Amino acid sequence: MLEIPKNKVWMWQMGKVLPELNVILKICFTLQVSVLDFLTQETLKENSSQFPATPQNQVRDSSTKKLEVKFDSDRTQQLLQNVLQANEQPLPITAVAKHLGYPKRVLYRHFPQLCRAISAEYVKYMKESRIKRIERCCEEVKQAVRQFHTEGIYPSEAAISRLLAKPGCFPDKEVRATLRAARREICLEP
C-alpha cells in the first residue's frame, strides 16, 4: 500500500538504515496509529477495516505477493506506435516507459519489436546529432584558425576553445584532426 521496496524494509529490520521521518509519518497515517505508539509498542493490533482499499487499477497477485498495476495492452501499443511515428526528437525507451507509467521491462515483454524500434530510432538520432555537432565544431575550428592567422596569433587549442560556441569539442578526434589540417594549410604544421 505504501509502495516501499522490500529491500528498504529489510534494511530497516537489520538496523542498516533508519526510516526517514516522512516515511514513518506515512506509515502511521496509513495504519492510523500515533507516531508514539508506532515507535514504542512491540506490536500493533491489525484492524483491516482501517486500511484503505486497494486502488481499482491495482491487483494483488497471490502467487508472488506483489502489487501489480493492470496493463492496458491496446492503449500502450497505440501509444508506442505513436511515439515511433512521431516527427519529433526521439526519446530513449526509458523515458517513454516512465511517461507511460510502466517499467521498461514490462514494455519489452509485451512489445519487444516496438521497443527495439524506438531504441533504434533514438540511437540513430544520437549518432546523427553527434555527427552534426562534430561538423559544426570542425567548421568553427577552421574559421578560428583562419582568424588567428590573419591576426598573427598562433592558433592553439586553448585560444581556439575561447572562440567556439561549445568549447568542449577537442576530445573528439575528428576535431583535433581538423585543427591539424587547418594548421597545415597555413604552414604551421608539417
Protein backbone atom coordinates (compact mmCIF):
# COMPACT_ATOMS: atom_id res chain seq x y z
CA MET A 1 0.00 0.00 0.00
CA LEU A 2 2.88 2.38 0.74
CA GLU A 3 4.93 1.34 -2.29
CA ILE A 4 8.05 0.88 -0.16
CA PRO A 5 10.53 -1.61 -1.64
CA LYS A 6 11.09 -4.83 0.30
CA ASN A 7 14.84 -4.30 0.41
CA LYS A 8 14.34 -0.95 2.15
CA VAL A 9 12.15 -2.53 4.84
CA TRP A 10 14.72 -5.34 5.21
CA MET A 11 17.46 -2.76 5.77
CA TRP A 12 15.32 -1.15 8.49
CA GLN A 13 14.80 -4.53 10.14
CA MET A 14 18.53 -5.32 10.05
CA GLY A 15 19.36 -1.92 11.50
CA LYS A 16 21.47 -0.93 8.49
CA VAL A 17 19.49 2.30 7.97
CA LEU A 18 16.72 4.13 9.76
CA PRO A 19 13.49 5.11 8.06
CA GLU A 20 13.10 8.78 7.25
CA LEU A 21 10.61 10.83 9.24
CA ASN A 22 8.29 11.38 6.27
CA VAL A 23 8.14 7.59 5.73
CA ILE A 24 7.35 6.98 9.41
CA LEU A 25 4.57 9.56 9.19
CA LYS A 26 3.20 7.94 6.04
CA ILE A 27 3.18 4.51 7.74
CA CYS A 28 1.49 5.90 10.86
CA PHE A 29 -1.12 7.68 8.77
CA THR A 30 -1.86 4.51 6.79
CA LEU A 31 -2.04 2.36 9.93
CA GLN A 32 -3.95 5.12 11.73
CA VAL A 33 -1.73 4.98 14.81
CA SER A 34 0.16 7.71 16.58
CA VAL A 35 3.88 8.04 16.00
CA LEU A 36 4.46 7.40 19.71
CA ASP A 37 2.50 4.12 19.61
CA PHE A 38 4.26 3.08 16.41
CA LEU A 39 7.71 3.67 17.90
CA THR A 40 7.09 2.34 21.41
CA GLN A 41 4.70 -0.60 21.12
CA GLU A 42 6.14 -4.04 20.41
CA THR A 43 3.27 -5.00 18.11
CA LEU A 44 0.36 -3.11 16.65
CA LYS A 45 -3.13 -4.51 16.53
CA GLU A 46 -4.18 -5.14 12.96
CA ASN A 47 -7.52 -3.75 12.00
CA SER A 48 -8.02 -4.50 8.33
CA SER A 49 -11.13 -2.36 8.13
CA GLN A 50 -8.94 0.68 8.87
CA PHE A 51 -6.64 0.11 5.90
CA PRO A 52 -7.58 1.78 2.63
CA ALA A 53 -8.86 -0.41 -0.15
CA THR A 54 -6.54 -1.41 -2.95
CA PRO A 55 -6.92 1.04 -5.85
CA GLN A 56 -9.04 -0.17 -8.76
CA ASN A 57 -6.17 -0.29 -11.25
CA GLN A 58 -4.01 -2.41 -8.94
CA VAL A 59 -4.40 -6.11 -8.25
CA ARG A 60 -2.65 -8.28 -5.71
CA ASP A 61 -1.05 -11.33 -7.30
CA SER A 62 -1.36 -14.15 -4.72
CA SER A 63 1.42 -16.28 -6.24
CA THR A 64 4.13 -13.61 -5.97
CA LYS A 65 2.62 -11.40 -3.25
CA LYS A 66 3.31 -8.39 -5.46
CA LEU A 67 1.07 -5.44 -6.08
CA GLU A 68 0.86 -5.02 -9.84
CA VAL A 69 -0.71 -2.34 -11.98
CA LYS A 70 -3.18 -3.63 -14.57
CA PHE A 71 -1.62 -3.43 -18.01
CA ASP A 72 -3.67 -1.75 -20.72
CA SER A 73 -2.21 -3.54 -23.74
CA ASP A 74 -4.19 -1.89 -26.54
CA ARG A 75 -3.68 1.66 -25.27
CA THR A 76 0.01 1.07 -24.58
CA GLN A 77 0.60 -0.44 -28.02
CA GLN A 78 -1.10 2.53 -29.66
CA LEU A 79 0.97 4.99 -27.62
CA LEU A 80 4.20 3.17 -28.51
CA GLN A 81 3.28 3.27 -32.19
CA ASN A 82 2.55 6.99 -31.88
CA VAL A 83 5.97 7.54 -30.30
CA LEU A 84 7.63 5.63 -33.13
CA GLN A 85 5.76 7.55 -35.85
CA ALA A 86 6.16 10.99 -34.27
CA ASN A 87 8.21 13.50 -36.22
CA GLU A 88 9.69 14.90 -33.03
CA GLN A 89 13.02 14.32 -31.33
CA PRO A 90 13.18 10.58 -30.48
CA LEU A 91 13.20 9.63 -26.82
CA PRO A 92 15.04 6.77 -25.15
CA ILE A 93 12.81 3.83 -24.22
CA THR A 94 13.42 4.54 -20.52
CA ALA A 95 11.84 7.99 -20.91
CA VAL A 96 8.95 6.53 -22.91
CA ALA A 97 8.36 3.88 -20.23
CA LYS A 98 8.44 6.49 -17.47
CA HIS A 99 5.98 8.67 -19.39
CA LEU A 100 3.61 5.71 -19.88
CA GLY A 101 3.90 4.72 -16.22
CA TYR A 102 5.23 1.19 -16.77
CA PRO A 103 8.66 -0.30 -16.13
CA LYS A 104 10.79 -0.65 -19.26
CA ARG A 105 10.97 -4.44 -18.87
CA VAL A 106 7.15 -4.67 -18.96
CA LEU A 107 7.07 -2.81 -22.26
CA TYR A 108 9.83 -5.04 -23.68
CA ARG A 109 7.98 -8.15 -22.52
CA HIS A 110 4.73 -7.15 -24.25
CA PHE A 111 6.05 -5.25 -27.29
CA PRO A 112 9.66 -6.22 -27.97
CA GLN A 113 9.65 -5.18 -31.65
CA LEU A 114 8.18 -1.74 -30.94
CA CYS A 115 10.60 -1.15 -28.07
CA ARG A 116 13.59 -2.19 -30.17
CA ALA A 117 12.40 0.07 -32.98
CA ILE A 118 12.04 3.03 -30.58
CA SER A 119 15.51 2.33 -29.19
CA ALA A 120 16.98 2.04 -32.68
CA GLU A 121 15.44 5.40 -33.67
CA TYR A 122 16.92 7.01 -30.58
CA VAL A 123 20.38 5.53 -31.24
CA LYS A 124 20.19 6.69 -34.88
CA TYR A 125 19.16 10.18 -33.76
CA MET A 126 22.02 10.36 -31.24
CA LYS A 127 24.57 9.28 -33.87
CA GLU A 128 23.27 11.85 -36.36
CA SER A 129 23.31 14.54 -33.66
CA ARG A 130 26.91 13.70 -32.80
CA ILE A 131 27.97 13.88 -36.46
CA LYS A 132 26.26 17.28 -36.89
CA ARG A 133 27.84 18.58 -33.69
CA ILE A 134 31.30 17.47 -34.81
CA GLU A 135 30.79 19.04 -38.26
CA ARG A 136 29.80 22.35 -36.63
CA CYS A 137 32.82 22.21 -34.34
CA CYS A 138 35.15 21.43 -37.26
CA GLU A 139 33.82 24.37 -39.24
CA GLU A 140 34.23 26.67 -36.22
CA VAL A 141 37.81 25.43 -35.72
CA LYS A 142 38.67 26.15 -39.37
CA GLN A 143 37.26 29.67 -39.10
CA ALA A 144 39.08 30.28 -35.82
CA VAL A 145 42.41 29.12 -37.28
CA ARG A 146 41.93 31.47 -40.26
CA GLN A 147 41.00 34.35 -37.94
CA PHE A 148 44.02 33.81 -35.70
CA HIS A 149 46.31 33.51 -38.71
CA THR A 150 45.13 36.84 -40.13
CA GLU A 151 45.65 38.45 -36.69
CA GLY A 152 49.14 36.92 -36.39
CA ILE A 153 48.25 34.80 -33.35
CA TYR A 154 49.23 31.13 -33.04
CA PRO A 155 46.02 29.02 -33.21
CA SER A 156 46.43 26.91 -30.05
CA GLU A 157 43.68 24.67 -28.71
CA ALA A 158 43.20 26.95 -25.71
CA ALA A 159 42.89 30.07 -27.86
CA ILE A 160 40.52 28.40 -30.29
CA SER A 161 38.40 26.96 -27.46
CA ARG A 162 37.63 30.50 -26.32
CA LEU A 163 36.07 31.26 -29.73
CA LEU A 164 33.98 28.11 -30.03
CA ALA A 165 30.28 28.06 -29.21
CA LYS A 166 30.84 24.74 -27.39
CA PRO A 167 34.43 24.76 -26.12
CA GLY A 168 34.48 21.06 -25.21
CA CYS A 169 34.95 19.85 -28.79
CA PHE A 170 38.62 18.88 -28.67
CA PRO A 171 38.22 15.43 -27.11
CA ASP A 172 36.72 14.34 -30.45
CA LYS A 173 39.48 13.02 -32.70
CA GLU A 174 37.79 14.46 -35.78
CA VAL A 175 38.01 17.99 -34.36
CA ARG A 176 41.69 17.53 -33.47
CA ALA A 177 42.37 16.24 -36.98
CA THR A 178 40.62 19.31 -38.42
CA LEU A 179 42.79 21.58 -36.27
CA ARG A 180 45.98 19.87 -37.50
CA ALA A 181 44.78 20.06 -41.12
CA ALA A 182 43.90 23.75 -40.78
CA ARG A 183 47.33 24.47 -39.29
CA ARG A 184 48.95 22.58 -42.19
CA GLU A 185 47.06 24.73 -44.68
CA ILE A 186 48.69 27.85 -43.23
CA CYS A 187 52.07 26.08 -42.95
CA LEU A 188 52.18 25.87 -39.15
CA GLU A 189 52.42 22.07 -39.04
CA PRO A 190 54.37 19.68 -41.26
